[in-house]
C-alpha atoms as a PDB file:
ATOM      1  CA  MET A   1      14.825  10.534 -10.275  1.00  0.00           C
ATOM      2  CA  LYS A   2      12.491  12.974 -11.944  1.00  0.00           C
ATOM      3  CA  LYS A   3       9.028  11.433 -12.138  1.00  0.00           C
ATOM      4  CA  VAL A   4       7.445   9.085  -9.574  1.00  0.00           C
ATOM      5  CA  LEU A   5       4.053   7.391  -9.740  1.00  0.00           C
ATOM      6  CA  ILE A   6       2.408   6.630  -6.394  1.00  0.00           C
ATOM      7  CA  ILE A   7      -0.422   4.104  -6.678  1.00  0.00           C
ATOM      8  CA  ASN A   8      -2.897   3.510  -3.855  1.00  0.00           C
ATOM      9  CA  GLY A   9      -5.382   0.677  -3.899  1.00  0.00           C
ATOM     10  CA  PRO A  10      -8.770  -0.094  -2.389  1.00  0.00           C
ATOM     11  CA  ASN A  11     -10.099   1.690   0.667  1.00  0.00           C
ATOM     12  CA  LEU A  12      -7.109   4.012   0.925  1.00  0.00           C
ATOM     13  CA  ASN A  13      -9.448   6.789  -0.155  1.00  0.00           C
ATOM     14  CA  LEU A  14     -10.966   6.343   3.327  1.00  0.00           C
ATOM     15  CA  LEU A  15      -7.750   7.066   5.237  1.00  0.00           C
ATOM     16  CA  GLY A  16      -8.434   9.380   8.138  1.00  0.00           C
ATOM     17  CA  LYS A  17     -11.810   7.744   8.740  1.00  0.00           C
ATOM     18  CA  ARG A  18     -11.035   4.032   8.489  1.00  0.00           C
ATOM     19  CA  GLU A  19      -9.478   2.211  11.445  1.00  0.00           C
ATOM     20  CA  THR A  20      -7.588   5.266  12.669  1.00  0.00           C
ATOM     21  CA  GLU A  21      -5.963   3.183  15.411  1.00  0.00           C
ATOM     22  CA  ILE A  22      -4.124   1.306  12.635  1.00  0.00           C
ATOM     23  CA  TYR A  23      -3.824   3.818   9.798  1.00  0.00           C
ATOM     24  CA  GLY A  24      -3.863   7.144  11.647  1.00  0.00           C
ATOM     25  CA  LYS A  25      -5.968  10.234  11.099  1.00  0.00           C
ATOM     26  CA  LYS A  26      -4.357  11.677   7.985  1.00  0.00           C
ATOM     27  CA  THR A  27      -6.346  11.570   4.786  1.00  0.00           C
ATOM     28  CA  LEU A  28      -4.807  10.422   1.524  1.00  0.00           C
ATOM     29  CA  LYS A  29      -4.977  14.022   0.292  1.00  0.00           C
ATOM     30  CA  GLN A  30      -3.037  15.207   3.364  1.00  0.00           C
ATOM     31  CA  ILE A  31      -0.375  12.554   2.729  1.00  0.00           C
ATOM     32  CA  GLU A  32      -0.106  13.671  -0.892  1.00  0.00           C
ATOM     33  CA  LEU A  33       0.254  17.327   0.114  1.00  0.00           C
ATOM     34  CA  GLU A  34       2.937  16.426   2.690  1.00  0.00           C
ATOM     35  CA  CYS A  35       4.915  14.547   0.046  1.00  0.00           C
ATOM     36  CA  LEU A  36       4.616  17.393  -2.455  1.00  0.00           C
ATOM     37  CA  GLU A  37       5.750  19.903   0.161  1.00  0.00           C
ATOM     38  CA  HIS A  38       8.618  17.728   1.388  1.00  0.00           C
ATOM     39  CA  PHE A  39      10.084  17.179  -2.092  1.00  0.00           C
ATOM     40  CA  LYS A  40       9.230  20.533  -3.707  1.00  0.00           C
ATOM     41  CA  ASP A  41      12.863  21.689  -3.843  1.00  0.00           C
ATOM     42  CA  GLU A  42      14.141  18.432  -5.330  1.00  0.00           C
ATOM     43  CA  LYS A  43      12.453  18.818  -8.694  1.00  0.00           C
ATOM     44  CA  ILE A  44      10.733  15.448  -8.394  1.00  0.00           C
ATOM     45  CA  GLU A  45       7.363  15.231 -10.108  1.00  0.00           C
ATOM     46  CA  LEU A  46       4.975  13.146  -8.020  1.00  0.00           C
ATOM     47  CA  GLU A  47       1.822  11.755  -9.588  1.00  0.00           C
ATOM     48  CA  PHE A  48      -0.728  10.225  -7.252  1.00  0.00           C
ATOM     49  CA  PHE A  49      -3.355   7.695  -8.281  1.00  0.00           C
ATOM     50  CA  GLN A  50      -5.935   5.874  -6.177  1.00  0.00           C
ATOM     51  CA  SER A  51      -8.509   3.347  -7.248  1.00  0.00           C
ATOM     52  CA  ASN A  52     -10.717   0.733  -5.663  1.00  0.00           C
ATOM     53  CA  SER A  53     -10.687  -1.107  -8.991  1.00  0.00           C
ATOM     54  CA  GLU A  54      -8.079  -3.776  -9.704  1.00  0.00           C
ATOM     55  CA  SER A  55      -8.410  -3.231 -13.461  1.00  0.00           C
ATOM     56  CA  GLU A  56      -7.778   0.528 -13.164  1.00  0.00           C
ATOM     57  CA  ILE A  57      -4.654  -0.117 -11.095  1.00  0.00           C
ATOM     58  CA  ILE A  58      -3.389  -2.596 -13.686  1.00  0.00           C
ATOM     59  CA  ASP A  59      -4.090  -0.134 -16.503  1.00  0.00           C
ATOM     60  CA  LYS A  60      -2.131   2.557 -14.628  1.00  0.00           C
ATOM     61  CA  ILE A  61       0.804   0.195 -14.113  1.00  0.00           C
ATOM     62  CA  HIS A  62       0.788  -0.636 -17.843  1.00  0.00           C
ATOM     63  CA  ILE A  63       1.345   3.004 -18.771  1.00  0.00           C
ATOM     64  CA  SER A  64       3.910   3.668 -16.029  1.00  0.00           C
ATOM     65  CA  GLN A  65       6.953   2.986 -18.192  1.00  0.00           C
ATOM     66  CA  ASN A  66       7.208   6.799 -18.600  1.00  0.00           C
ATOM     67  CA  PHE A  67       8.046   7.129 -14.895  1.00  0.00           C
ATOM     68  CA  ASP A  68      11.418   6.829 -13.182  1.00  0.00           C
ATOM     69  CA  GLY A  69       9.905   4.839 -10.327  1.00  0.00           C
ATOM     70  CA  ILE A  70       6.707   3.435  -8.867  1.00  0.00           C
ATOM     71  CA  ILE A  71       5.521   3.309  -5.267  1.00  0.00           C
ATOM     72  CA  ILE A  72       2.549   1.054  -4.679  1.00  0.00           C
ATOM     73  CA  ASN A  73       0.305   0.532  -1.691  1.00  0.00           C
ATOM     74  CA  ALA A  74      -2.039  -2.007  -3.208  1.00  0.00           C
ATOM     75  CA  GLY A  75      -4.110  -2.324  -0.037  1.00  0.00           C
ATOM     76  CA  ALA A  76      -5.994  -5.614   0.117  1.00  0.00           C
ATOM     77  CA  PHE A  77      -4.934  -6.438  -3.456  1.00  0.00           C
ATOM     78  CA  THR A  78      -1.452  -7.018  -2.019  1.00  0.00           C
ATOM     79  CA  HIS A  79      -2.702 -10.320  -0.644  1.00  0.00           C
ATOM     80  CA  THR A  80      -4.947 -11.397  -3.511  1.00  0.00           C
ATOM     81  CA  SER A  81      -3.873 -10.063  -6.886  1.00  0.00           C
ATOM     82  CA  ILE A  82      -1.696 -12.137  -9.141  1.00  0.00           C
ATOM     83  CA  ALA A  83      -2.788  -9.786 -11.937  1.00  0.00           C
ATOM     84  CA  ILE A  84      -1.144  -6.787 -10.217  1.00  0.00           C
ATOM     85  CA  HIS A  85       1.916  -8.968  -9.576  1.00  0.00           C
ATOM     86  CA  ASP A  86       2.121  -9.778 -13.286  1.00  0.00           C
ATOM     87  CA  ALA A  87       1.646  -6.141 -14.338  1.00  0.00           C
ATOM     88  CA  LEU A  88       4.416  -4.967 -12.004  1.00  0.00           C
ATOM     89  CA  LYS A  89       6.708  -7.753 -13.173  1.00  0.00           C
ATOM     90  CA  ILE A  90       6.480  -6.486 -16.765  1.00  0.00           C
ATOM     91  CA  ILE A  91       7.435  -2.874 -15.966  1.00  0.00           C
ATOM     92  CA  LYS A  92      11.190  -2.322 -15.870  1.00  0.00           C
ATOM     93  CA  VAL A  93      11.435   0.703 -13.577  1.00  0.00           C
ATOM     94  CA  PRO A  94      12.330   0.694  -9.861  1.00  0.00           C
ATOM     95  CA  LYS A  95       9.341  -0.276  -7.735  1.00  0.00           C
ATOM     96  CA  ILE A  96       8.711  -0.074  -3.991  1.00  0.00           C
ATOM     97  CA  GLU A  97       5.818  -1.630  -2.086  1.00  0.00           C
ATOM     98  CA  VAL A  98       4.582   0.324   0.940  1.00  0.00           C
ATOM     99  CA  HIS A  99       2.194  -0.371   3.801  1.00  0.00           C
ATOM    100  CA  ILE A 100       1.228   2.101   6.501  1.00  0.00           C
ATOM    101  CA  SER A 101       0.866  -0.698   9.057  1.00  0.00           C
ATOM    102  CA  ASN A 102       3.217  -3.604   9.646  1.00  0.00           C
ATOM    103  CA  ILE A 103       1.402  -6.315   7.700  1.00  0.00           C
ATOM    104  CA  TYR A 104       3.509  -9.005   9.392  1.00  0.00           C
ATOM    105  CA  THR A 105       2.046  -8.259  12.829  1.00  0.00           C
ATOM    106  CA  ARG A 106      -1.553  -8.358  11.697  1.00  0.00           C
ATOM    107  CA  GLU A 107      -3.962 -11.076  10.545  1.00  0.00           C
ATOM    108  CA  GLU A 108      -2.399 -14.186   9.034  1.00  0.00           C
ATOM    109  CA  PHE A 109      -3.794 -13.506   5.541  1.00  0.00           C
ATOM    110  CA  ARG A 110      -1.994 -10.137   5.440  1.00  0.00           C
ATOM    111  CA  LYS A 111       1.413 -11.763   5.838  1.00  0.00           C
ATOM    112  CA  LYS A 112       1.441 -13.002   2.233  1.00  0.00           C
ATOM    113  CA  SER A 113       2.193 -10.418  -0.437  1.00  0.00           C
ATOM    114  CA  PHE A 114       1.919 -11.290  -4.116  1.00  0.00           C
ATOM    115  CA  ILE A 115       3.621  -7.976  -4.877  1.00  0.00           C
ATOM    116  CA  SER A 116       6.815  -8.363  -2.838  1.00  0.00           C
ATOM    117  CA  PRO A 117       8.553 -10.782  -5.246  1.00  0.00           C
ATOM    118  CA  VAL A 118       8.402  -8.273  -8.126  1.00  0.00           C
ATOM    119  CA  VAL A 119       9.452  -5.041  -6.392  1.00  0.00           C
ATOM    120  CA  ASP A 120      12.870  -3.748  -5.411  1.00  0.00           C
ATOM    121  CA  GLY A 121      11.973  -3.046  -1.796  1.00  0.00           C
ATOM    122  CA  ILE A 122       9.276  -3.053   0.861  1.00  0.00           C
ATOM    123  CA  ILE A 123       8.625  -0.385   3.482  1.00  0.00           C
ATOM    124  CA  ALA A 124       6.005  -1.148   6.116  1.00  0.00           C
ATOM    125  CA  GLY A 125       4.937  -0.178   9.588  1.00  0.00           C
ATOM    126  CA  PHE A 126       6.097   3.434   9.806  1.00  0.00           C
ATOM    127  CA  GLY A 127       2.697   5.022   9.367  1.00  0.00           C
ATOM    128  CA  THR A 128       2.224   7.537   6.611  1.00  0.00           C
ATOM    129  CA  ASN A 129       5.977   8.239   6.608  1.00  0.00           C
ATOM    130  CA  VAL A 130       6.352   5.164   4.380  1.00  0.00           C
ATOM    131  CA  TYR A 131       5.591   7.294   1.318  1.00  0.00           C
ATOM    132  CA  ARG A 132       8.408   9.780   1.995  1.00  0.00           C
ATOM    133  CA  VAL A 133      10.828   6.993   2.902  1.00  0.00           C
ATOM    134  CA  ALA A 134       9.932   5.239  -0.352  1.00  0.00           C
ATOM    135  CA  ILE A 135      10.488   8.368  -2.449  1.00  0.00           C
ATOM    136  CA  ASN A 136      13.906   8.829  -0.843  1.00  0.00           C
ATOM    137  CA  SER A 137      14.677   5.144  -1.393  1.00  0.00           C
ATOM    138  CA  LEU A 138      13.757   5.326  -5.075  1.00  0.00           C
ATOM    139  CA  LYS A 139      16.426   7.971  -5.526  1.00  0.00           C
ATOM    140  CA  GLN A 140      18.998   5.317  -4.553  1.00  0.00           C
ATOM    141  CA  LEU A 141      17.760   2.651  -6.985  1.00  0.00           C
ATOM    142  CA  LYS A 142      19.171   2.552 -10.494  1.00  0.00           C
ATOM    143  CA  LYS A 143      17.782   0.431 -13.335  1.00  0.00           C
END
């Protein structure tokens, strides 16, 4: 595992301000810096991408074949986007879906993920640690 793409979807740019009782007080930038620090000695290149635009996320997925793995927190698009599902299905690298909160203990509409059927694993409910757990998990997946 040398190069990992971490994609974050809508409203995740507001982490640290948005519903801190659910998502915590860390900003997305702080999470990124923690990941970079944690894996600095492992020679893993981490590229972070965040967009509130479904089309930009799909475009990023389309060019992700150059990566050894993808971690995606698609935010609300998890529950609505067949287009992101289709884009992920095409890419033949290990993929992990992450959620900071446990989506299965929240509103009914959050319990359906269009992304889960096309990824290798799902990590949810462990707060911002899900990103580090996912990076470690990607190291175990071989495709």
